[in-house]
Amino acid sequence: MAGEQVMVIGLGRFGSAVARELERLGHQVLAIDQSEQLVNDIAPDVTHALQLDAADEDALRSAGAADFGAAIVAISSEAEPSIFATMVLKRLRVQNVIAKAGSLLHGEILSRVGADRVVFPERETGLRLAHSFNVPNVIDYLDVAPSFGIEKIRPPKAFIGRTLGELDLKGRLGLTPIALRRGSQVFVNPAREERLGEGDELILIGRDDKLHQLRG
């Protein structure tokens, strides 16, 4: 499957990381920032890189923004430039505009001016840190809905040597194992017969209060 053409606007730490990873995944990335230094830094790693003001509709039109199906507004310095850039992209009929927000109010404004999706990287990182803070067996956490999430854990010692069927996490706690990683192998919807061993990583989905009961 061929990659998409994606425009990434704003090349701070978040934007540059997104741009490089999109390129690595096979997409054609146009990276944009007002900073000549940031544009020069990323130029070797993406398809194209341009220095311009993303709130300038004529400049974005000249850069071919209207030909892109997707854009990510990753401007992090101030809210106003990201809002104007989002408005311009939607005016140019970019179908899928994803915008980064620094606050709930900023996110609400971005949604109202047309952003198809608003992301809160700092908030999401904070949630993940809070769920794994000082808990050695929790590797990562993803918020799915209020009081409901996906958690990647190292199985507690009491789990080692036992099968998923014996543990019956779904029956006892309402937690569903959705993947099991063992070295370089990943088992999606692992069978009840899978026996957990040292070094395994288990991914579970369920209520936060039930996930917390597994922390050891």
Protein backbone atom coordinates (compact mmCIF):
# COMPACT_ATOMS: atom_id res chain seq x y z
CA MET A 1 0.00 0.00 0.00
CA ALA A 2 1.48 3.34 -1.10
CA GLY A 3 2.12 5.98 1.52
CA GLU A 4 0.16 9.22 1.71
CA GLN A 5 1.32 12.75 1.13
CA VAL A 6 1.34 14.42 4.53
CA MET A 7 2.16 17.98 5.49
CA VAL A 8 3.64 18.55 8.95
CA ILE A 9 3.58 22.15 10.15
CA GLY A 10 5.72 23.06 13.14
CA LEU A 11 9.04 21.32 13.65
CA GLY A 12 9.55 21.41 17.39
CA ARG A 13 10.28 18.16 19.20
CA PHE A 14 6.78 16.81 18.62
CA GLY A 15 6.45 17.87 14.98
CA SER A 16 9.90 16.76 13.94
CA ALA A 17 9.42 13.36 15.59
CA VAL A 18 6.08 12.90 13.79
CA ALA A 19 7.56 13.98 10.45
CA ARG A 20 10.53 11.63 10.68
CA GLU A 21 8.41 8.68 11.76
CA LEU A 22 5.86 9.26 8.99
CA GLU A 23 8.67 9.31 6.45
CA ARG A 24 10.13 6.13 7.94
CA LEU A 25 6.71 4.48 7.58
CA GLY A 26 6.72 5.18 3.85
CA HIS A 27 4.73 8.42 3.60
CA GLN A 28 5.82 11.44 1.58
CA VAL A 29 6.31 14.26 4.07
CA LEU A 30 6.43 17.98 3.46
CA ALA A 31 7.83 19.54 6.65
CA ILE A 32 7.18 23.25 7.25
CA ASP A 33 8.40 25.75 9.82
CA GLN A 34 9.26 29.45 10.04
CA SER A 35 12.68 28.57 11.45
CA GLU A 36 15.37 28.13 8.82
CA GLN A 37 17.47 26.12 11.27
CA LEU A 38 14.69 23.63 12.01
CA VAL A 39 13.92 23.24 8.31
CA ASN A 40 17.60 22.62 7.53
CA ASP A 41 17.87 20.11 10.37
CA ILE A 42 15.01 17.95 9.10
CA ALA A 43 15.56 18.34 5.35
CA PRO A 44 17.73 15.19 4.96
CA ASP A 45 15.08 13.05 6.71
CA VAL A 46 11.88 13.98 4.82
CA THR A 47 10.71 14.22 1.22
CA HIS A 48 10.59 18.04 1.21
CA ALA A 49 11.15 20.78 3.77
CA LEU A 50 10.12 24.42 3.42
CA GLN A 51 10.57 27.58 5.45
CA LEU A 52 7.36 29.61 5.43
CA ASP A 53 4.59 31.12 7.57
CA ALA A 54 1.84 28.49 7.76
CA ALA A 55 -0.74 31.14 8.65
CA ASP A 56 -0.16 32.75 5.24
CA GLU A 57 -2.78 31.28 2.91
CA ASP A 58 -0.96 32.36 -0.24
CA ALA A 59 2.28 30.78 0.97
CA LEU A 60 0.57 27.48 1.78
CA ARG A 61 -1.27 27.49 -1.53
CA SER A 62 2.02 28.08 -3.37
CA ALA A 63 3.53 25.16 -1.44
CA GLY A 64 0.80 22.91 -2.84
CA ALA A 65 -1.17 22.43 0.37
CA ALA A 66 -4.41 22.00 -1.56
CA ASP A 67 -2.96 18.83 -3.13
CA PHE A 68 -2.44 17.16 0.25
CA GLY A 69 -5.04 14.87 1.74
CA ALA A 70 -3.68 15.17 5.27
CA ALA A 71 -1.87 17.70 7.43
CA ILE A 72 -0.63 17.74 11.00
CA VAL A 73 -0.44 21.12 12.73
CA ALA A 74 2.21 20.62 15.38
CA ILE A 75 2.94 24.25 16.23
CA SER A 76 3.67 24.35 19.94
CA SER A 77 4.95 27.85 20.71
CA GLU A 78 1.63 29.75 20.70
CA ALA A 79 -2.04 28.93 20.19
CA GLU A 80 -2.77 31.65 17.63
CA PRO A 81 -0.47 30.41 14.82
CA SER A 82 -1.83 26.85 15.09
CA ILE A 83 -5.43 28.12 14.96
CA PHE A 84 -4.76 30.23 11.87
CA ALA A 85 -2.84 27.40 10.17
CA THR A 86 -5.74 25.02 10.82
CA MET A 87 -8.23 27.50 9.41
CA VAL A 88 -6.13 28.01 6.28
CA LEU A 89 -5.71 24.28 5.67
CA LYS A 90 -9.46 23.68 5.91
CA ARG A 91 -10.07 26.67 3.62
CA LEU A 92 -7.75 24.99 1.12
CA ARG A 93 -9.90 21.85 1.48
CA VAL A 94 -7.30 19.61 3.10
CA GLN A 95 -9.49 16.67 4.02
CA ASN A 96 -7.84 15.46 7.24
CA VAL A 97 -6.30 18.06 9.54
CA ILE A 98 -4.90 16.87 12.87
CA ALA A 99 -3.90 19.63 15.28
CA LYS A 100 -1.90 19.62 18.47
CA ALA A 101 -3.38 21.50 21.42
CA GLY A 102 -1.71 22.71 24.58
CA SER A 103 -4.90 23.12 26.61
CA LEU A 104 -8.56 22.15 26.59
CA LEU A 105 -9.57 25.67 25.51
CA HIS A 106 -7.01 25.62 22.69
CA GLY A 107 -8.35 22.22 21.62
CA GLU A 108 -11.94 23.46 21.67
CA ILE A 109 -11.04 26.39 19.42
CA LEU A 110 -9.14 24.13 17.01
CA SER A 111 -12.19 21.87 16.76
CA ARG A 112 -14.46 24.83 16.09
CA VAL A 113 -12.28 26.19 13.29
CA GLY A 114 -12.32 22.83 11.53
CA ALA A 115 -9.67 20.48 12.90
CA ASP A 116 -10.76 16.91 12.17
CA ARG A 117 -8.87 15.62 15.19
CA VAL A 118 -7.23 17.35 18.14
CA VAL A 119 -4.44 15.70 20.12
CA PHE A 120 -3.07 16.62 23.55
CA PRO A 121 0.44 15.10 23.68
CA GLU A 122 1.36 16.58 27.05
CA ARG A 123 -1.92 15.46 28.63
CA GLU A 124 -1.63 11.98 27.13
CA THR A 125 1.97 11.66 28.28
CA GLY A 126 0.95 12.83 31.73
CA LEU A 127 -1.79 10.21 31.95
CA ARG A 128 0.61 7.48 30.87
CA LEU A 129 3.20 8.58 33.43
CA ALA A 130 0.62 8.74 36.22
CA HIS A 131 -0.55 5.19 35.49
CA SER A 132 3.00 3.78 35.43
CA PHE A 133 4.61 5.95 38.12
CA ASN A 134 6.50 3.88 40.67
CA VAL A 135 4.88 0.66 39.41
CA PRO A 136 7.70 -1.58 38.15
CA ASN A 137 5.55 -4.05 36.22
CA VAL A 138 3.59 -1.43 34.22
CA ILE A 139 5.33 -0.65 30.94
CA ASP A 140 2.78 1.62 29.27
CA TYR A 141 -0.82 2.79 29.46
CA LEU A 142 -3.29 4.14 26.90
CA ASP A 143 -6.42 6.02 27.93
CA VAL A 144 -9.44 4.69 26.00
CA ALA A 145 -12.38 6.27 27.84
CA PRO A 146 -13.03 7.67 31.33
CA SER A 147 -11.87 5.03 33.84
CA PHE A 148 -11.08 2.58 31.02
CA GLY A 149 -7.75 1.84 29.38
CA ILE A 150 -5.21 -0.46 27.77
CA GLU A 151 -2.17 -1.41 29.81
CA LYS A 152 1.03 -3.22 28.90
CA ILE A 153 2.48 -5.05 31.89
CA ARG A 154 5.21 -7.45 32.86
CA PRO A 155 3.25 -10.30 34.42
CA PRO A 156 3.48 -10.31 38.23
CA LYS A 157 5.49 -13.15 39.77
CA ALA A 158 2.28 -14.96 40.70
CA PHE A 159 1.42 -15.21 36.98
CA ILE A 160 4.67 -16.83 35.87
CA GLY A 161 4.25 -20.46 34.88
CA ARG A 162 0.46 -20.22 34.72
CA THR A 163 -1.72 -20.22 31.60
CA LEU A 164 -4.10 -17.43 30.69
CA GLY A 165 -6.91 -19.91 31.14
CA GLU A 166 -5.81 -20.67 34.68
CA LEU A 167 -5.56 -16.96 35.49
CA ASP A 168 -9.04 -16.29 34.01
CA LEU A 169 -8.47 -12.52 34.03
CA LYS A 170 -11.64 -11.85 32.07
CA GLY A 171 -13.83 -13.93 34.35
CA ARG A 172 -12.32 -12.64 37.60
CA LEU A 173 -11.61 -9.00 36.76
CA GLY A 174 -13.22 -8.25 33.42
CA LEU A 175 -9.77 -7.74 31.87
CA THR A 176 -9.29 -9.03 28.33
CA PRO A 177 -5.80 -10.06 27.15
CA ILE A 178 -5.50 -8.59 23.65
CA ALA A 179 -1.84 -9.37 22.93
CA LEU A 180 1.15 -11.20 24.34
CA ARG A 181 4.71 -10.32 23.41
CA ARG A 182 7.43 -12.92 23.82
CA GLY A 183 10.77 -11.74 22.51
CA SER A 184 10.27 -10.83 18.85
CA GLN A 185 6.96 -12.73 18.65
CA VAL A 186 3.57 -11.10 19.18
CA PHE A 187 0.42 -13.16 19.74
CA VAL A 188 -2.81 -11.25 19.10
CA ASN A 189 -5.79 -12.50 21.13
CA PRO A 190 -3.54 -15.08 22.84
CA ALA A 191 -5.00 -18.50 23.45
CA ARG A 192 -6.03 -19.57 26.97
CA GLU A 193 -3.36 -22.27 26.73
CA GLU A 194 -0.53 -19.71 26.54
CA ARG A 195 1.69 -20.09 29.61
CA LEU A 196 3.32 -16.90 30.86
CA GLY A 197 7.06 -16.80 31.34
CA GLU A 198 9.80 -14.45 32.53
CA GLY A 199 10.28 -11.58 30.08
CA ASP A 200 6.79 -11.80 28.59
CA GLU A 201 4.74 -8.63 28.11
CA LEU A 202 0.96 -8.81 28.38
CA ILE A 203 -1.43 -6.21 26.97
CA LEU A 204 -4.80 -5.97 28.69
CA ILE A 205 -7.90 -3.85 28.21
CA GLY A 206 -10.40 -3.08 30.94
CA ARG A 207 -11.44 -0.76 33.75
CA ASP A 208 -8.70 1.22 35.47
CA ASP A 209 -9.65 0.02 38.95
CA LYS A 210 -9.32 -3.61 37.81
CA LEU A 211 -6.01 -2.92 36.02
CA HIS A 212 -4.70 -1.42 39.27
CA GLN A 213 -5.37 -4.71 41.07
CA LEU A 214 -2.66 -6.39 38.98
CA ARG A 215 0.07 -4.00 40.00
CA GLY A 216 2.80 -5.70 41.91
